[in-house]
Amino acid sequence: MNNDKPFSFDNYDYDNDFKKFDDFTEPQNEIVTNENIYTLPEIEDDGFVPTSNGSTTTVKNKDSNFVFFYGTSASGKSVILSAILYYLNSYAGVLRPKLGSPNSREAQILLADFFENIKKGILPNRSTRDQVTRLDFVFDPNNQSKKVPSINISFLETAGENHNEISRGGRYHADIEAYLNSDIPLNFLIVTSYDKAHHEDSKIVEFLDYLEKKGKNLKNVNVLLVISKWDKSGNTGVDNEQHLENFISERLSMTNNRIDTYNLSKTYFTIGNVQNQAGIEKITLLNLESAEVIAKWLYQNIVGYDLDYEGTFWEKIKFSFSK
C-alpha cells in the first residue's frame, strides 16, 4: 500500500507564499513561487537500462522422454505410476538415477513411498497441488538386443485439482504450463476411472483441445486413454476387446470419437484386488498385468521396438549359444 500523502498545500508558509486579502481588497497579480515544487534533483544518466529477469518458468534438463499424466482428483494416476515403476524395476529391467538430473527431495520421498508401500498393499497418497513432481530415470531393459536400448525417461506427477483449472477457457499453473509449452518429447496418459468416466467426457475433450492450442497435433502425439479401477466392474480384466470398446463408446462418446479419429490408443488398468479395511482401501492381491501393458506401450512409442523384441536372426543365434 502506498503511504505517500496526496499533493496538498498543508506545509506551505501562507504568510510568505500567499498574500492575505479580504473580500474588499483586489488581489495583487503576483507569481506564487516555491522552489521545492519545480526543482528536480539532478540524476546522472549513465546510459544503462537494466533488463528484468521476468518470471517465466522453463523446463531444465530436456534430454529425456517425458510422460505426462492427465486425470482429475482420485482418478488413479499415482497408483498407475507406482505400478509402472514397480514393474519396470522388478521385472523388465532396472530403473537407475539419471546423472546430471537429480530428483528433487519430493521426488525421492515419492519414489520411496511407491516402492515400499505397493508390496504392503498401501495405495499412494494424493499429489501436491500447483507443482510438478518430476521423476528422472535411465531405464536399462533386461532384453539384450541392440534394438532394445536403454532410454532416459521422466515421469511428471501432478495433482488432479490442477487439471480442473483449464475448464471453460482457463489455464494451468505456470509449472505445468512450462512442460506443455516446451519443445520436448511428450507421451500422454489420460486417466479416468471406471466409476466416474461418464462424468469426465467433456473434461477430457477440453484437455485434448488444450493440447491442440499448444500446437500438439493429436495426429502426431502419443496418447493413451486408460480406464482405471477396472476391478470395480467386478473383474480384473476384460472378456474381450469389444467389452472395453463398448464401455468407452457408451461412457465417453466424445472422447472415444477423438481417439478413433486420430487413431490413438486405449486400455484399462487395475492394481488387483482392493478391499476396504476400516475405511482404508488396501491391495489384497497385486496384479501388474495392466501396468505391463502400459509400460510396454510407452517403450514401444519411445524407441520404435517392443520391449520384449526377440532380436535379429543373428542375435537369436547368439543368445541361443549363450544359454
Foldseek 3Di string as FASTA:
>chain_A
DDPDDPDDCVPPDCVPQPDDDDPPDDGDDDDGDDCVVPDDDDDDCPPDDDDDPDDADADPPQQAAEEEEADAAPLCPLVLVLLLQCCLPPPFFHWDADPPDGFDPVLVVSNVCSVVCVVVQAGGDFDDALAWRKDWTWRQTPDPAPLQGIGIYIYTDHGNVQLCQPPPNGDGRSNVVNVLLDPHNYAYEYTGELVCLLVCLVSVVSVVVVSVVSVNPLLPHAYEYEHEPCCVVVDQADPDPVRVVVSCCVRRVNVSVVCVVSVYHYDYDYQADWDQDPNHIGHPDGDSPVSVVVSQSVSCVVSVDGSVDCYDPVVVVVVVVVD
